[in-house]
Amino acid sequence: MTDSELEHSSPDPVDATEPTAVTLPHTPAEDILGVLTGTWLASLGLHLLHEAHAVTGGTAGLSLLLTYAFPVALPVMLLLANVPFFALAAWKKGWRFTFRSIVAVALLSVFTTVHAEMIPSPDLAPVYGILTGNVLAGVGILILFRHGSSLGGFSVLALIAQEQAGLRAGYVQMGLDVLVVLAALLVVPWDNVLLSALGAVVLNVVLAFNHRPGRYRA
């Protein structure tokens, strides 16, 4: 039944405004633009966090943490840290989701390099850099979720837990992020770790409040 038929067959005009089961999938062009937009925002957020010498959650935060301990460029570390999770994504989420996630992580690495060239070593106030970086990263990840992609890593685990166990993706990822932030105490000043913990909460609140089962389908 079409939307027009639903409207005319409804006995109560108020019912016509209620959500229906009809969905409107994203077109390939919309998915491409969504992945580009999401990775661009997330990479900008990651760049701000790197310049603030902070960490965040997920494999992005893990990658940041490892670059402080080892002389490996952030774009390279992003790819290496996600390899095991790509295998998990292929097993649980299918090759379409996995391919999109691989593309997203590759774009994240490229865009992070671009931001480093275009915005070299900005003199950031730590509070601003950490909070703004996490908000940008959270919005970027949310866009990727809604276009059938992710930044791999903990996002894959969070999505699987939401779909198979009914747990909120944001809350699951928050728990995993706590472990990364605690590990940061080994290589990051304690005051930056505290700000990083606050930033990780901000990122996951963005996801928890905006990515719920049944709220958005496309």
C-alpha atoms as a PDB file:
ATOM      1  CA  MET A   1       0.000   0.000   0.000  1.00  0.00           C
ATOM      2  CA  THR A   2       1.379   3.410  -0.918  1.00  0.00           C
ATOM      3  CA  ASP A   3       1.631   6.425   1.405  1.00  0.00           C
ATOM      4  CA  SER A   4      -1.245   8.043  -0.520  1.00  0.00           C
ATOM      5  CA  GLU A   5      -3.476   4.998  -0.032  1.00  0.00           C
ATOM      6  CA  LEU A   6      -2.623   4.885   3.666  1.00  0.00           C
ATOM      7  CA  GLU A   7      -3.677   8.501   4.090  1.00  0.00           C
ATOM      8  CA  HIS A   8      -7.005   8.044   2.316  1.00  0.00           C
ATOM      9  CA  SER A   9      -7.867   4.764   4.060  1.00  0.00           C
ATOM     10  CA  SER A  10      -7.263   6.125   7.567  1.00  0.00           C
ATOM     11  CA  PRO A  11     -10.557   6.701   9.440  1.00  0.00           C
ATOM     12  CA  ASP A  12      -8.918   9.234  11.746  1.00  0.00           C
ATOM     13  CA  PRO A  13      -6.956  12.149  10.233  1.00  0.00           C
ATOM     14  CA  VAL A  14      -4.660  12.157  13.280  1.00  0.00           C
ATOM     15  CA  ASP A  15      -3.551   8.585  12.528  1.00  0.00           C
ATOM     16  CA  ALA A  16      -2.146   9.693   9.177  1.00  0.00           C
ATOM     17  CA  THR A  17       0.640  11.493  11.020  1.00  0.00           C
ATOM     18  CA  GLU A  18       1.746   8.385  12.905  1.00  0.00           C
ATOM     19  CA  PRO A  19       4.947   6.606  11.749  1.00  0.00           C
ATOM     20  CA  THR A  20       4.380   3.619   9.471  1.00  0.00           C
ATOM     21  CA  ALA A  21       6.482   0.573   8.706  1.00  0.00           C
ATOM     22  CA  VAL A  22       7.385   2.005   5.297  1.00  0.00           C
ATOM     23  CA  THR A  23      11.090   2.835   5.022  1.00  0.00           C
ATOM     24  CA  LEU A  24      12.996   4.832   2.454  1.00  0.00           C
ATOM     25  CA  PRO A  25      16.469   3.316   2.021  1.00  0.00           C
ATOM     26  CA  HIS A  26      19.429   5.541   1.278  1.00  0.00           C
ATOM     27  CA  THR A  27      20.528   5.666  -2.328  1.00  0.00           C
ATOM     28  CA  PRO A  28      24.139   4.691  -3.200  1.00  0.00           C
ATOM     29  CA  ALA A  29      24.937   8.380  -3.725  1.00  0.00           C
ATOM     30  CA  GLU A  30      23.557   9.230  -0.267  1.00  0.00           C
ATOM     31  CA  ASP A  31      25.601   6.429   1.303  1.00  0.00           C
ATOM     32  CA  ILE A  32      28.785   7.665  -0.388  1.00  0.00           C
ATOM     33  CA  LEU A  33      28.195  11.233   0.776  1.00  0.00           C
ATOM     34  CA  GLY A  34      27.283   9.979   4.248  1.00  0.00           C
ATOM     35  CA  VAL A  35      30.517   7.993   4.579  1.00  0.00           C
ATOM     36  CA  LEU A  36      32.571  10.945   3.308  1.00  0.00           C
ATOM     37  CA  THR A  37      30.856  13.346   5.706  1.00  0.00           C
ATOM     38  CA  GLY A  38      31.113  11.005   8.684  1.00  0.00           C
ATOM     39  CA  THR A  39      34.790  10.218   8.177  1.00  0.00           C
ATOM     40  CA  TRP A  40      35.636  13.885   7.562  1.00  0.00           C
ATOM     41  CA  LEU A  41      34.024  14.972  10.845  1.00  0.00           C
ATOM     42  CA  ALA A  42      35.485  12.058  12.808  1.00  0.00           C
ATOM     43  CA  SER A  43      38.979  12.668  11.410  1.00  0.00           C
ATOM     44  CA  LEU A  44      38.813  16.356  12.323  1.00  0.00           C
ATOM     45  CA  GLY A  45      37.781  15.392  15.848  1.00  0.00           C
ATOM     46  CA  LEU A  46      40.628  12.893  16.027  1.00  0.00           C
ATOM     47  CA  HIS A  47      43.106  15.530  14.859  1.00  0.00           C
ATOM     48  CA  LEU A  48      41.978  17.902  17.615  1.00  0.00           C
ATOM     49  CA  LEU A  49      42.362  15.137  20.198  1.00  0.00           C
ATOM     50  CA  HIS A  50      45.836  14.290  18.935  1.00  0.00           C
ATOM     51  CA  GLU A  51      46.922  17.919  19.124  1.00  0.00           C
ATOM     52  CA  ALA A  52      45.495  18.175  22.654  1.00  0.00           C
ATOM     53  CA  HIS A  53      47.560  15.083  23.578  1.00  0.00           C
ATOM     54  CA  ALA A  54      44.429  13.289  24.702  1.00  0.00           C
ATOM     55  CA  VAL A  55      42.746   9.972  24.062  1.00  0.00           C
ATOM     56  CA  THR A  56      39.202   8.904  23.406  1.00  0.00           C
ATOM     57  CA  GLY A  57      37.383   5.617  23.143  1.00  0.00           C
ATOM     58  CA  GLY A  58      37.358   2.903  20.523  1.00  0.00           C
ATOM     59  CA  THR A  59      40.200   1.853  18.287  1.00  0.00           C
ATOM     60  CA  ALA A  60      40.651   5.513  17.368  1.00  0.00           C
ATOM     61  CA  GLY A  61      41.473   6.214  21.019  1.00  0.00           C
ATOM     62  CA  LEU A  62      43.586   3.077  21.197  1.00  0.00           C
ATOM     63  CA  SER A  63      45.477   4.224  18.107  1.00  0.00           C
ATOM     64  CA  LEU A  64      46.074   7.642  19.660  1.00  0.00           C
ATOM     65  CA  LEU A  65      47.334   5.979  22.822  1.00  0.00           C
ATOM     66  CA  LEU A  66      49.758   3.760  20.914  1.00  0.00           C
ATOM     67  CA  THR A  67      51.178   6.692  18.939  1.00  0.00           C
ATOM     68  CA  TYR A  68      52.168   8.326  22.242  1.00  0.00           C
ATOM     69  CA  ALA A  69      54.044   5.172  23.238  1.00  0.00           C
ATOM     70  CA  PHE A  70      55.507   4.111  19.868  1.00  0.00           C
ATOM     71  CA  PRO A  71      56.960   6.097  16.939  1.00  0.00           C
ATOM     72  CA  VAL A  72      54.238   5.114  14.459  1.00  0.00           C
ATOM     73  CA  ALA A  73      52.197   7.644  12.472  1.00  0.00           C
ATOM     74  CA  LEU A  74      48.531   7.913  13.488  1.00  0.00           C
ATOM     75  CA  PRO A  75      47.103   7.046  10.020  1.00  0.00           C
ATOM     76  CA  VAL A  76      49.147   3.817   9.953  1.00  0.00           C
ATOM     77  CA  MET A  77      48.191   2.914  13.516  1.00  0.00           C
ATOM     78  CA  LEU A  78      44.499   3.422  12.719  1.00  0.00           C
ATOM     79  CA  LEU A  79      44.686   0.761  10.025  1.00  0.00           C
ATOM     80  CA  LEU A  80      46.726  -1.707  12.092  1.00  0.00           C
ATOM     81  CA  ALA A  81      44.494  -1.467  15.167  1.00  0.00           C
ATOM     82  CA  ASN A  82      41.388  -2.272  13.142  1.00  0.00           C
ATOM     83  CA  VAL A  83      42.573  -5.407  11.349  1.00  0.00           C
ATOM     84  CA  PRO A  84      41.225  -7.911  13.954  1.00  0.00           C
ATOM     85  CA  PHE A  85      37.883  -6.126  14.088  1.00  0.00           C
ATOM     86  CA  PHE A  86      37.461  -6.266  10.319  1.00  0.00           C
ATOM     87  CA  ALA A  87      37.569 -10.061  10.587  1.00  0.00           C
ATOM     88  CA  LEU A  88      34.875  -9.941  13.292  1.00  0.00           C
ATOM     89  CA  ALA A  89      32.761  -7.607  11.181  1.00  0.00           C
ATOM     90  CA  ALA A  90      32.982  -9.941   8.188  1.00  0.00           C
ATOM     91  CA  TRP A  91      31.819 -12.851  10.376  1.00  0.00           C
ATOM     92  CA  LYS A  92      28.959 -11.129  12.216  1.00  0.00           C
ATOM     93  CA  LYS A  93      27.903  -8.217   9.998  1.00  0.00           C
ATOM     94  CA  GLY A  94      28.608  -9.447   6.478  1.00  0.00           C
ATOM     95  CA  TRP A  95      30.951  -8.310   3.743  1.00  0.00           C
ATOM     96  CA  ARG A  96      28.940  -5.253   2.724  1.00  0.00           C
ATOM     97  CA  PHE A  97      29.215  -3.699   6.189  1.00  0.00           C
ATOM     98  CA  THR A  98      32.866  -4.815   6.450  1.00  0.00           C
ATOM     99  CA  PHE A  99      33.806  -3.303   3.100  1.00  0.00           C
ATOM    100  CA  ARG A 100      32.187   0.000   4.048  1.00  0.00           C
ATOM    101  CA  SER A 101      34.001  -0.036   7.379  1.00  0.00           C
ATOM    102  CA  ILE A 102      37.359  -0.692   5.700  1.00  0.00           C
ATOM    103  CA  VAL A 103      36.705   2.192   3.328  1.00  0.00           C
ATOM    104  CA  ALA A 104      35.691   4.423   6.250  1.00  0.00           C
ATOM    105  CA  VAL A 105      38.856   3.635   8.232  1.00  0.00           C
ATOM    106  CA  ALA A 106      41.013   4.185   5.135  1.00  0.00           C
ATOM    107  CA  LEU A 107      39.310   7.550   4.556  1.00  0.00           C
ATOM    108  CA  LEU A 108      39.761   8.396   8.244  1.00  0.00           C
ATOM    109  CA  SER A 109      43.500   7.784   7.881  1.00  0.00           C
ATOM    110  CA  VAL A 110      43.730   9.905   4.743  1.00  0.00           C
ATOM    111  CA  PHE A 111      41.631  12.760   6.140  1.00  0.00           C
ATOM    112  CA  THR A 112      43.614  12.774   9.399  1.00  0.00           C
ATOM    113  CA  THR A 113      46.755  13.345   7.341  1.00  0.00           C
ATOM    114  CA  VAL A 114      45.019  16.161   5.437  1.00  0.00           C
ATOM    115  CA  HIS A 115      43.979  17.902   8.665  1.00  0.00           C
ATOM    116  CA  ALA A 116      47.529  17.619  10.010  1.00  0.00           C
ATOM    117  CA  GLU A 117      48.792  19.386   6.873  1.00  0.00           C
ATOM    118  CA  MET A 118      46.075  22.046   6.780  1.00  0.00           C
ATOM    119  CA  ILE A 119      45.959  22.755  10.539  1.00  0.00           C
ATOM    120  CA  PRO A 120      49.544  22.210  11.730  1.00  0.00           C
ATOM    121  CA  SER A 121      49.977  22.080  15.508  1.00  0.00           C
ATOM    122  CA  PRO A 122      47.217  24.484  16.588  1.00  0.00           C
ATOM    123  CA  ASP A 123      47.652  26.034  20.028  1.00  0.00           C
ATOM    124  CA  LEU A 124      44.564  24.403  21.542  1.00  0.00           C
ATOM    125  CA  ALA A 125      43.169  24.817  25.007  1.00  0.00           C
ATOM    126  CA  PRO A 126      42.939  21.182  26.219  1.00  0.00           C
ATOM    127  CA  VAL A 127      39.311  21.482  27.376  1.00  0.00           C
ATOM    128  CA  TYR A 128      38.199  22.880  24.024  1.00  0.00           C
ATOM    129  CA  GLY A 129      40.239  20.416  21.980  1.00  0.00           C
ATOM    130  CA  ILE A 130      39.081  17.363  23.905  1.00  0.00           C
ATOM    131  CA  LEU A 131      35.382  18.216  24.141  1.00  0.00           C
ATOM    132  CA  THR A 132      35.079  19.526  20.585  1.00  0.00           C
ATOM    133  CA  GLY A 133      37.098  16.619  19.234  1.00  0.00           C
ATOM    134  CA  ASN A 134      34.811  14.088  20.899  1.00  0.00           C
ATOM    135  CA  VAL A 135      31.616  15.821  19.762  1.00  0.00           C
ATOM    136  CA  LEU A 136      32.874  15.847  16.162  1.00  0.00           C
ATOM    137  CA  ALA A 137      33.956  12.216  16.396  1.00  0.00           C
ATOM    138  CA  GLY A 138      30.607  11.201  17.910  1.00  0.00           C
ATOM    139  CA  VAL A 139      28.573  12.930  15.188  1.00  0.00           C
ATOM    140  CA  GLY A 140      30.831  11.419  12.536  1.00  0.00           C
ATOM    141  CA  ILE A 141      30.384   7.898  13.921  1.00  0.00           C
ATOM    142  CA  LEU A 142      26.617   8.427  14.176  1.00  0.00           C
ATOM    143  CA  ILE A 143      26.463   9.405  10.487  1.00  0.00           C
ATOM    144  CA  LEU A 144      28.458   6.298   9.573  1.00  0.00           C
ATOM    145  CA  PHE A 145      26.137   4.049  11.619  1.00  0.00           C
ATOM    146  CA  ARG A 146      23.145   5.442   9.755  1.00  0.00           C
ATOM    147  CA  HIS A 147      24.745   4.672   6.425  1.00  0.00           C
ATOM    148  CA  GLY A 148      25.568   1.059   7.212  1.00  0.00           C
ATOM    149  CA  SER A 149      29.211   1.675   8.089  1.00  0.00           C
ATOM    150  CA  SER A 150      31.449   2.285  11.076  1.00  0.00           C
ATOM    151  CA  LEU A 151      35.017   3.074  12.029  1.00  0.00           C
ATOM    152  CA  GLY A 152      35.552  -0.595  12.824  1.00  0.00           C
ATOM    153  CA  GLY A 153      36.978  -1.614  16.154  1.00  0.00           C
ATOM    154  CA  PHE A 154      34.785  -1.149  19.214  1.00  0.00           C
ATOM    155  CA  SER A 155      31.984   0.186  17.027  1.00  0.00           C
ATOM    156  CA  VAL A 156      31.619  -3.281  15.518  1.00  0.00           C
ATOM    157  CA  LEU A 157      31.380  -4.870  18.972  1.00  0.00           C
ATOM    158  CA  ALA A 158      28.893  -2.219  20.101  1.00  0.00           C
ATOM    159  CA  LEU A 159      26.627  -2.698  17.078  1.00  0.00           C
ATOM    160  CA  ILE A 160      26.693  -6.501  17.433  1.00  0.00           C
ATOM    161  CA  ALA A 161      25.800  -6.203  21.141  1.00  0.00           C
ATOM    162  CA  GLN A 162      22.899  -3.875  20.282  1.00  0.00           C
ATOM    163  CA  GLU A 163      21.516  -6.061  17.514  1.00  0.00           C
ATOM    164  CA  GLN A 164      21.960  -9.466  19.164  1.00  0.00           C
ATOM    165  CA  ALA A 165      21.629  -8.675  22.875  1.00  0.00           C
ATOM    166  CA  GLY A 166      19.441  -5.547  22.845  1.00  0.00           C
ATOM    167  CA  LEU A 167      22.094  -3.418  24.557  1.00  0.00           C
ATOM    168  CA  ARG A 168      22.561   0.250  23.659  1.00  0.00           C
ATOM    169  CA  ALA A 169      25.527   0.652  21.315  1.00  0.00           C
ATOM    170  CA  GLY A 170      26.602   3.844  23.064  1.00  0.00           C
ATOM    171  CA  TYR A 171      26.601   2.263  26.528  1.00  0.00           C
ATOM    172  CA  VAL A 172      28.516  -0.815  25.369  1.00  0.00           C
ATOM    173  CA  GLN A 173      31.140   1.317  23.698  1.00  0.00           C
ATOM    174  CA  MET A 174      31.343   3.526  26.784  1.00  0.00           C
ATOM    175  CA  GLY A 175      32.337   0.526  28.904  1.00  0.00           C
ATOM    176  CA  LEU A 176      35.061  -0.446  26.453  1.00  0.00           C
ATOM    177  CA  ASP A 177      36.237   3.143  26.242  1.00  0.00           C
ATOM    178  CA  VAL A 178      36.780   3.270  29.999  1.00  0.00           C
ATOM    179  CA  LEU A 179      39.454   0.597  29.617  1.00  0.00           C
ATOM    180  CA  VAL A 180      41.272   2.631  26.961  1.00  0.00           C
ATOM    181  CA  VAL A 181      41.140   5.812  29.034  1.00  0.00           C
ATOM    182  CA  LEU A 182      42.453   3.989  32.114  1.00  0.00           C
ATOM    183  CA  ALA A 183      45.329   2.575  30.065  1.00  0.00           C
ATOM    184  CA  ALA A 184      46.185   6.141  29.041  1.00  0.00           C
ATOM    185  CA  LEU A 185      47.412   6.767  32.586  1.00  0.00           C
ATOM    186  CA  LEU A 186      50.568   4.924  31.577  1.00  0.00           C
ATOM    187  CA  VAL A 187      51.606   7.457  28.907  1.00  0.00           C
ATOM    188  CA  VAL A 188      49.423  10.581  29.247  1.00  0.00           C
ATOM    189  CA  PRO A 189      49.472  13.193  32.078  1.00  0.00           C
ATOM    190  CA  TRP A 190      46.744  12.474  34.629  1.00  0.00           C
ATOM    191  CA  ASP A 191      44.931  15.794  34.070  1.00  0.00           C
ATOM    192  CA  ASN A 192      44.651  15.051  30.349  1.00  0.00           C
ATOM    193  CA  VAL A 193      43.362  11.584  31.216  1.00  0.00           C
ATOM    194  CA  LEU A 194      40.593  13.083  33.337  1.00  0.00           C
ATOM    195  CA  LEU A 195      39.604  15.418  30.501  1.00  0.00           C
ATOM    196  CA  SER A 196      39.807  12.488  28.086  1.00  0.00           C
ATOM    197  CA  ALA A 197      37.413  10.504  30.279  1.00  0.00           C
ATOM    198  CA  LEU A 198      34.934  13.385  30.207  1.00  0.00           C
ATOM    199  CA  GLY A 199      35.340  13.644  26.441  1.00  0.00           C
ATOM    200  CA  ALA A 200      34.731   9.910  25.969  1.00  0.00           C
ATOM    201  CA  VAL A 201      31.494  10.238  27.958  1.00  0.00           C
ATOM    202  CA  VAL A 202      30.428  13.122  25.700  1.00  0.00           C
ATOM    203  CA  LEU A 203      31.121  11.051  22.565  1.00  0.00           C
ATOM    204  CA  ASN A 204      29.125   8.077  23.803  1.00  0.00           C
ATOM    205  CA  VAL A 205      26.229  10.207  25.037  1.00  0.00           C
ATOM    206  CA  VAL A 206      25.943  11.515  21.464  1.00  0.00           C
ATOM    207  CA  LEU A 207      25.664   7.911  20.265  1.00  0.00           C
ATOM    208  CA  ALA A 208      23.398   6.660  23.066  1.00  0.00           C
ATOM    209  CA  PHE A 209      20.860   9.477  22.667  1.00  0.00           C
ATOM    210  CA  ASN A 210      20.766   9.361  18.874  1.00  0.00           C
ATOM    211  CA  HIS A 211      21.252   5.733  17.865  1.00  0.00           C
ATOM    212  CA  ARG A 212      18.468   3.548  19.215  1.00  0.00           C
ATOM    213  CA  PRO A 213      16.874   0.431  17.699  1.00  0.00           C
ATOM    214  CA  GLY A 214      13.819   1.379  15.645  1.00  0.00           C
ATOM    215  CA  ARG A 215      14.362   5.137  15.866  1.00  0.00           C
ATOM    216  CA  TYR A 216      16.035   5.487  12.477  1.00  0.00           C
ATOM    217  CA  ARG A 217      15.832   3.017   9.624  1.00  0.00           C
ATOM    218  CA  ALA A 218      17.180   3.672   6.149  1.00  0.00           C
END
